[in-house]
């Protein structure tokens, strides 16, 4: 089985990895000229944590993850509204959660996928037809 995936962000890379794990060949088409990095912090647990574990990427994510000691909320004026300490944050996210930068999550997925699937940067899909040869 073959698939074309539009976008080399977190969703596209995760899809390519999972398809590879079940025996599919995938081609990722990404409009950006190269892989993007950076981004905001993401905290996920529950089914996201479980999925990372099943996909075999959890150890790599844990290496890049971090612990938030304090989460501070500010008023529009910049004045401190309230904060949550480490214990409160841990109580709300649970023991099976991870906080990681978006770019680090994408980097882990990219490292797992790049040797198993073709990624075309700076490209867009303009048409799709049934292919007789892989990615002709």
N, C-alpha and C. Protein backbone atom coordinates (compact mmCIF):
# COMPACT_ATOMS: atom_id res chain seq x y z
N UNK A 1 0.85 -1.18 0.00
CA UNK A 1 0.00 0.00 0.00
C UNK A 1 0.89 1.24 0.00
N UNK A 2 0.39 2.28 -0.66
CA UNK A 2 1.12 3.54 -0.75
C UNK A 2 0.19 4.69 -0.38
N UNK A 3 0.79 5.75 0.16
CA UNK A 3 0.02 6.93 0.53
C UNK A 3 0.83 8.17 0.21
N UNK A 4 0.11 9.23 -0.14
CA UNK A 4 0.72 10.55 -0.28
C UNK A 4 0.18 11.38 0.88
N UNK A 5 1.08 11.97 1.62
CA UNK A 5 0.71 12.77 2.79
C UNK A 5 1.06 14.22 2.50
N UNK A 6 0.10 15.10 2.69
CA UNK A 6 0.33 16.52 2.45
C UNK A 6 0.72 17.17 3.77
N UNK A 7 1.94 17.66 3.86
CA UNK A 7 2.41 18.36 5.04
C UNK A 7 3.38 17.54 5.87
N UNK A 8 4.53 18.14 6.17
CA UNK A 8 5.57 17.48 6.97
C UNK A 8 5.63 18.06 8.37
N UNK A 9 4.47 18.46 8.89
CA UNK A 9 4.39 18.90 10.28
C UNK A 9 4.21 17.69 11.17
N UNK A 10 3.81 17.92 12.39
CA UNK A 10 3.64 16.84 13.36
C UNK A 10 2.66 15.79 12.87
N UNK A 11 1.50 16.22 12.38
CA UNK A 11 0.48 15.26 11.94
C UNK A 11 0.95 14.45 10.74
N UNK A 12 1.57 15.11 9.76
CA UNK A 12 2.04 14.39 8.58
C UNK A 12 3.15 13.40 8.90
N UNK A 13 4.10 13.82 9.72
CA UNK A 13 5.20 12.93 10.09
C UNK A 13 4.72 11.77 10.94
N UNK A 14 3.81 12.04 11.87
CA UNK A 14 3.26 10.97 12.71
C UNK A 14 2.49 9.96 11.85
N UNK A 15 1.74 10.46 10.90
CA UNK A 15 1.00 9.58 9.99
C UNK A 15 1.96 8.73 9.17
N UNK A 16 3.01 9.34 8.64
CA UNK A 16 4.00 8.59 7.86
C UNK A 16 4.68 7.52 8.71
N UNK A 17 5.00 7.85 9.94
CA UNK A 17 5.64 6.88 10.82
C UNK A 17 4.71 5.70 11.09
N UNK A 18 3.48 6.00 11.42
CA UNK A 18 2.53 4.92 11.74
C UNK A 18 2.26 4.06 10.50
N UNK A 19 2.12 4.69 9.34
CA UNK A 19 1.91 3.91 8.12
C UNK A 19 3.12 3.03 7.83
N UNK A 20 4.32 3.56 8.01
CA UNK A 20 5.53 2.76 7.83
C UNK A 20 5.52 1.55 8.76
N UNK A 21 5.10 1.76 10.00
CA UNK A 21 5.10 0.68 10.99
C UNK A 21 4.13 -0.44 10.63
N UNK A 22 3.11 -0.12 9.84
CA UNK A 22 2.17 -1.18 9.44
C UNK A 22 2.39 -1.63 8.00
N UNK A 23 3.53 -1.22 7.42
CA UNK A 23 3.94 -1.76 6.14
C UNK A 23 3.61 -0.94 4.90
N UNK A 24 3.18 0.29 5.06
CA UNK A 24 2.88 1.14 3.91
C UNK A 24 4.13 1.92 3.49
N UNK A 25 4.15 2.31 2.22
CA UNK A 25 5.14 3.26 1.70
C UNK A 25 4.45 4.61 1.64
N UNK A 26 5.15 5.65 2.04
CA UNK A 26 4.55 6.98 2.04
C UNK A 26 5.47 7.99 1.38
N UNK A 27 4.85 8.95 0.74
CA UNK A 27 5.51 10.12 0.18
C UNK A 27 4.91 11.32 0.90
N UNK A 28 5.78 12.17 1.47
CA UNK A 28 5.30 13.40 2.11
C UNK A 28 5.63 14.57 1.20
N UNK A 29 4.63 15.40 0.91
CA UNK A 29 4.80 16.59 0.10
C UNK A 29 4.63 17.79 1.03
N UNK A 30 5.66 18.62 1.12
CA UNK A 30 5.66 19.77 2.03
C UNK A 30 5.93 21.05 1.24
N UNK A 31 5.06 22.03 1.42
CA UNK A 31 5.19 23.31 0.72
C UNK A 31 6.43 24.09 1.16
N UNK A 32 6.76 24.06 2.44
CA UNK A 32 7.91 24.82 2.95
C UNK A 32 9.20 24.29 2.32
N UNK A 33 10.19 25.15 2.13
CA UNK A 33 11.43 24.73 1.47
C UNK A 33 12.31 23.82 2.34
N UNK A 34 12.07 23.81 3.63
CA UNK A 34 12.84 22.96 4.54
C UNK A 34 12.03 22.74 5.81
N UNK A 35 12.51 21.82 6.63
CA UNK A 35 11.83 21.53 7.88
C UNK A 35 11.88 22.73 8.80
N UNK A 36 10.75 23.01 9.42
CA UNK A 36 10.68 24.15 10.35
C UNK A 36 11.01 23.66 11.75
N UNK A 37 11.53 24.55 12.55
CA UNK A 37 11.83 24.24 13.95
C UNK A 37 11.14 25.23 14.84
N UNK A 38 11.48 25.19 16.08
CA UNK A 38 10.93 26.15 17.03
C UNK A 38 9.48 25.92 17.35
N UNK A 39 8.89 26.93 17.92
CA UNK A 39 7.48 26.82 18.25
C UNK A 39 7.25 26.87 19.75
N UNK A 40 6.04 26.67 20.11
CA UNK A 40 5.57 26.78 21.48
C UNK A 40 5.70 25.45 22.22
N UNK A 41 5.48 25.50 23.52
CA UNK A 41 5.50 24.28 24.33
C UNK A 41 4.17 23.57 24.21
N UNK A 42 4.22 22.25 24.15
CA UNK A 42 3.04 21.41 24.05
C UNK A 42 3.07 20.43 25.22
N UNK A 43 1.98 20.35 25.95
CA UNK A 43 1.86 19.34 26.99
C UNK A 43 0.78 18.37 26.57
N UNK A 44 1.13 17.11 26.53
CA UNK A 44 0.10 16.14 26.17
C UNK A 44 0.20 14.91 27.06
N UNK A 45 -0.92 14.31 27.27
CA UNK A 45 -1.02 13.11 28.07
C UNK A 45 -2.16 12.27 27.53
N UNK A 46 -2.61 11.34 28.33
CA UNK A 46 -3.75 10.52 27.90
C UNK A 46 -3.46 9.78 26.62
N UNK A 47 -4.38 9.91 25.65
CA UNK A 47 -4.23 9.14 24.42
C UNK A 47 -3.02 9.59 23.59
N UNK A 48 -2.61 10.86 23.71
CA UNK A 48 -1.42 11.32 23.01
C UNK A 48 -0.17 10.65 23.56
N UNK A 49 -0.09 10.55 24.86
CA UNK A 49 1.04 9.89 25.51
C UNK A 49 1.05 8.40 25.15
N UNK A 50 -0.14 7.79 25.19
CA UNK A 50 -0.27 6.37 24.84
C UNK A 50 0.15 6.13 23.39
N UNK A 51 -0.25 7.03 22.48
CA UNK A 51 0.11 6.88 21.07
C UNK A 51 1.62 6.99 20.89
N UNK A 52 2.25 7.94 21.57
CA UNK A 52 3.70 8.09 21.47
C UNK A 52 4.40 6.83 21.95
N UNK A 53 3.87 6.24 22.99
CA UNK A 53 4.43 5.00 23.52
C UNK A 53 4.28 3.86 22.51
N UNK A 54 3.10 3.71 21.92
CA UNK A 54 2.86 2.66 20.93
C UNK A 54 3.71 2.84 19.68
N UNK A 55 3.95 4.09 19.30
CA UNK A 55 4.74 4.37 18.11
C UNK A 55 6.24 4.22 18.34
N UNK A 56 6.63 4.04 19.60
CA UNK A 56 8.04 3.84 19.91
C UNK A 56 8.86 5.11 19.98
N UNK A 57 8.20 6.27 20.11
CA UNK A 57 8.94 7.53 20.16
C UNK A 57 9.00 8.12 21.57
N UNK A 58 8.32 7.51 22.52
CA UNK A 58 8.26 8.06 23.87
C UNK A 58 9.64 8.25 24.50
N UNK A 59 10.55 7.28 24.43
CA UNK A 59 11.88 7.52 25.04
C UNK A 59 12.58 8.75 24.47
N UNK A 60 12.48 8.96 23.16
CA UNK A 60 13.11 10.13 22.54
C UNK A 60 12.43 11.42 22.97
N UNK A 61 11.10 11.38 23.11
CA UNK A 61 10.37 12.57 23.56
C UNK A 61 10.74 12.91 25.00
N UNK A 62 10.84 11.89 25.84
CA UNK A 62 11.17 12.13 27.25
C UNK A 62 12.56 12.77 27.40
N UNK A 63 13.48 12.41 26.51
CA UNK A 63 14.82 13.01 26.55
C UNK A 63 14.77 14.50 26.25
N UNK A 64 13.83 14.91 25.41
CA UNK A 64 13.73 16.32 25.01
C UNK A 64 12.70 17.09 25.83
N UNK A 65 11.87 16.37 26.56
CA UNK A 65 10.83 17.01 27.35
C UNK A 65 11.41 17.78 28.53
N UNK A 66 10.58 18.58 29.15
CA UNK A 66 11.03 19.34 30.31
C UNK A 66 9.91 19.46 31.33
N UNK A 67 10.30 19.81 32.53
CA UNK A 67 9.36 19.98 33.64
C UNK A 67 9.12 21.47 33.83
N UNK A 68 7.87 21.85 33.90
CA UNK A 68 7.52 23.25 34.15
C UNK A 68 7.44 23.45 35.65
N UNK A 69 8.29 24.32 36.18
CA UNK A 69 8.29 24.60 37.62
C UNK A 69 7.19 25.56 38.03
N UNK A 70 6.85 26.47 37.12
CA UNK A 70 5.81 27.45 37.44
C UNK A 70 5.16 27.92 36.14
N UNK A 71 3.86 28.06 36.19
CA UNK A 71 3.11 28.58 35.06
C UNK A 71 2.43 29.86 35.53
N UNK A 72 2.79 30.97 34.90
CA UNK A 72 2.31 32.28 35.35
C UNK A 72 1.34 32.85 34.32
N UNK A 73 0.20 33.29 34.77
CA UNK A 73 -0.79 33.96 33.93
C UNK A 73 -0.75 35.46 34.23
N UNK A 74 -0.79 36.25 33.17
CA UNK A 74 -0.71 37.70 33.31
C UNK A 74 -1.98 38.36 32.78
N UNK A 75 -2.29 39.49 33.33
CA UNK A 75 -3.39 40.32 32.83
C UNK A 75 -2.92 41.00 31.54
N UNK A 76 -3.84 41.50 30.72
CA UNK A 76 -3.42 42.20 29.50
C UNK A 76 -2.44 43.35 29.78
N UNK A 77 -2.51 43.91 30.97
CA UNK A 77 -1.60 45.01 31.33
C UNK A 77 -0.19 44.51 31.63
N UNK A 78 -0.02 43.19 31.74
CA UNK A 78 1.28 42.62 32.08
C UNK A 78 1.39 42.28 33.55
N UNK A 79 0.45 42.77 34.35
CA UNK A 79 0.46 42.48 35.78
C UNK A 79 0.16 40.99 36.00
N UNK A 80 0.83 40.44 36.98
CA UNK A 80 0.65 39.02 37.30
C UNK A 80 -0.76 38.77 37.83
N UNK A 81 -1.46 37.84 37.21
CA UNK A 81 -2.81 37.48 37.64
C UNK A 81 -2.76 36.36 38.67
N UNK A 82 -2.16 35.22 38.31
CA UNK A 82 -1.96 34.12 39.25
C UNK A 82 -0.95 33.15 38.65
N UNK A 83 -0.53 32.19 39.45
CA UNK A 83 0.42 31.20 38.97
C UNK A 83 0.07 29.83 39.52
N UNK A 84 0.60 28.82 38.85
CA UNK A 84 0.47 27.44 39.30
C UNK A 84 1.88 26.91 39.57
N UNK A 85 2.05 26.24 40.70
CA UNK A 85 3.37 25.68 41.00
C UNK A 85 3.50 24.28 40.39
N UNK A 86 4.70 23.74 40.51
CA UNK A 86 5.01 22.44 39.91
C UNK A 86 4.07 21.33 40.38
N UNK A 87 3.75 21.29 41.65
CA UNK A 87 2.88 20.24 42.19
C UNK A 87 1.46 20.34 41.60
N UNK A 88 0.96 21.56 41.46
CA UNK A 88 -0.38 21.75 40.90
C UNK A 88 -0.40 21.36 39.43
N UNK A 89 0.62 21.76 38.70
CA UNK A 89 0.71 21.40 37.28
C UNK A 89 0.74 19.88 37.14
N UNK A 90 1.57 19.21 37.93
CA UNK A 90 1.67 17.75 37.87
C UNK A 90 0.35 17.08 38.22
N UNK A 91 -0.38 17.66 39.17
CA UNK A 91 -1.68 17.09 39.56
C UNK A 91 -2.70 17.22 38.43
N UNK A 92 -2.61 18.28 37.64
CA UNK A 92 -3.57 18.46 36.55
C UNK A 92 -3.22 17.66 35.30
N UNK A 93 -1.93 17.43 35.07
CA UNK A 93 -1.54 16.70 33.86
C UNK A 93 -1.40 15.20 34.09
N UNK A 94 -1.15 14.80 35.31
CA UNK A 94 -1.02 13.38 35.62
C UNK A 94 0.39 12.87 35.37
N UNK A 95 0.66 11.65 35.84
CA UNK A 95 2.02 11.10 35.73
C UNK A 95 2.40 10.70 34.31
N UNK A 96 1.42 10.43 33.46
CA UNK A 96 1.72 10.04 32.08
C UNK A 96 1.46 11.22 31.15
N UNK A 97 2.29 12.22 31.31
CA UNK A 97 2.22 13.40 30.44
C UNK A 97 3.63 13.91 30.21
N UNK A 98 3.76 14.71 29.17
CA UNK A 98 5.07 15.26 28.83
C UNK A 98 4.87 16.67 28.27
N UNK A 99 5.79 17.55 28.62
CA UNK A 99 5.82 18.88 28.02
C UNK A 99 7.08 18.96 27.17
N UNK A 100 6.90 19.37 25.94
CA UNK A 100 7.99 19.39 24.97
C UNK A 100 7.76 20.56 24.02
N UNK A 101 8.83 21.11 23.49
CA UNK A 101 8.68 22.15 22.49
C UNK A 101 8.19 21.53 21.18
N UNK A 102 7.30 22.23 20.51
CA UNK A 102 6.71 21.75 19.26
C UNK A 102 7.79 21.33 18.27
N UNK A 103 8.83 22.15 18.13
CA UNK A 103 9.92 21.83 17.21
C UNK A 103 10.68 20.57 17.59
N UNK A 104 10.81 20.31 18.89
CA UNK A 104 11.48 19.08 19.34
C UNK A 104 10.62 17.85 19.04
N UNK A 105 9.32 17.96 19.22
CA UNK A 105 8.41 16.87 18.89
C UNK A 105 8.50 16.56 17.40
N UNK A 106 8.48 17.60 16.58
CA UNK A 106 8.59 17.41 15.13
C UNK A 106 9.94 16.80 14.77
N UNK A 107 11.01 17.22 15.43
CA UNK A 107 12.35 16.69 15.14
C UNK A 107 12.43 15.20 15.44
N UNK A 108 11.84 14.77 16.55
CA UNK A 108 11.84 13.34 16.89
C UNK A 108 11.12 12.54 15.80
N UNK A 109 9.96 13.03 15.38
CA UNK A 109 9.21 12.34 14.33
C UNK A 109 9.99 12.32 13.02
N UNK A 110 10.59 13.44 12.67
CA UNK A 110 11.37 13.53 11.44
C UNK A 110 12.52 12.51 11.45
N UNK A 111 13.24 12.42 12.56
CA UNK A 111 14.35 11.47 12.67
C UNK A 111 13.88 10.03 12.47
N UNK A 112 12.69 9.71 12.94
CA UNK A 112 12.15 8.35 12.82
C UNK A 112 11.65 8.05 11.42
N UNK A 113 11.28 9.08 10.66
CA UNK A 113 10.64 8.89 9.36
C UNK A 113 11.60 9.06 8.19
N UNK A 114 12.57 9.92 8.29
CA UNK A 114 13.36 10.35 7.12
C UNK A 114 14.04 9.22 6.37
N UNK A 115 14.42 8.15 7.03
CA UNK A 115 15.09 7.04 6.35
C UNK A 115 14.11 6.03 5.75
N UNK A 116 12.82 6.20 6.03
CA UNK A 116 11.83 5.23 5.58
C UNK A 116 10.83 5.79 4.57
N UNK A 117 10.87 7.08 4.36
CA UNK A 117 9.86 7.67 3.50
C UNK A 117 10.45 8.88 2.79
N UNK A 118 10.04 9.05 1.56
CA UNK A 118 10.51 10.21 0.79
C UNK A 118 9.76 11.45 1.25
N UNK A 119 10.52 12.53 1.46
CA UNK A 119 9.93 13.81 1.83
C UNK A 119 10.37 14.82 0.78
N UNK A 120 9.41 15.44 0.12
CA UNK A 120 9.71 16.45 -0.90
C UNK A 120 9.37 17.82 -0.34
N UNK A 121 10.42 18.58 -0.02
CA UNK A 121 10.24 19.94 0.47
C UNK A 121 10.13 20.90 -0.71
N UNK A 122 9.46 22.03 -0.49
CA UNK A 122 9.30 23.02 -1.54
C UNK A 122 8.42 22.52 -2.67
N UNK A 123 7.46 21.67 -2.34
CA UNK A 123 6.61 21.08 -3.37
C UNK A 123 5.14 21.13 -2.94
N UNK A 124 4.29 21.11 -3.93
CA UNK A 124 2.84 21.00 -3.67
C UNK A 124 2.28 19.94 -4.59
N UNK A 125 1.19 19.36 -4.19
CA UNK A 125 0.51 18.36 -5.01
C UNK A 125 -0.47 19.09 -5.91
N UNK A 126 -0.33 18.88 -7.21
CA UNK A 126 -1.24 19.55 -8.15
C UNK A 126 -2.26 18.59 -8.75
N UNK A 127 -1.91 17.32 -8.82
CA UNK A 127 -2.84 16.32 -9.35
C UNK A 127 -2.47 14.96 -8.79
N UNK A 128 -3.42 14.08 -8.80
CA UNK A 128 -3.18 12.73 -8.32
C UNK A 128 -3.93 11.76 -9.23
N UNK A 129 -3.23 10.76 -9.71
CA UNK A 129 -3.84 9.71 -10.50
C UNK A 129 -3.34 8.38 -9.98
N UNK A 130 -4.01 7.34 -10.33
CA UNK A 130 -3.54 6.02 -9.92
C UNK A 130 -2.18 5.78 -10.56
N UNK A 131 -1.22 5.42 -9.75
CA UNK A 131 0.15 5.27 -10.24
C UNK A 131 0.46 3.81 -10.52
N UNK A 132 1.11 3.55 -11.66
CA UNK A 132 1.54 2.20 -11.96
C UNK A 132 2.93 1.93 -11.41
N UNK A 133 3.70 3.00 -11.18
CA UNK A 133 5.01 2.87 -10.56
C UNK A 133 5.04 3.75 -9.33
N UNK A 134 5.81 3.40 -8.33
CA UNK A 134 5.84 4.19 -7.10
C UNK A 134 6.23 5.65 -7.35
N UNK A 135 5.38 6.56 -7.01
CA UNK A 135 5.65 7.99 -7.01
C UNK A 135 6.21 8.51 -8.32
N UNK A 136 5.66 8.02 -9.41
CA UNK A 136 6.11 8.46 -10.73
C UNK A 136 5.80 9.92 -10.96
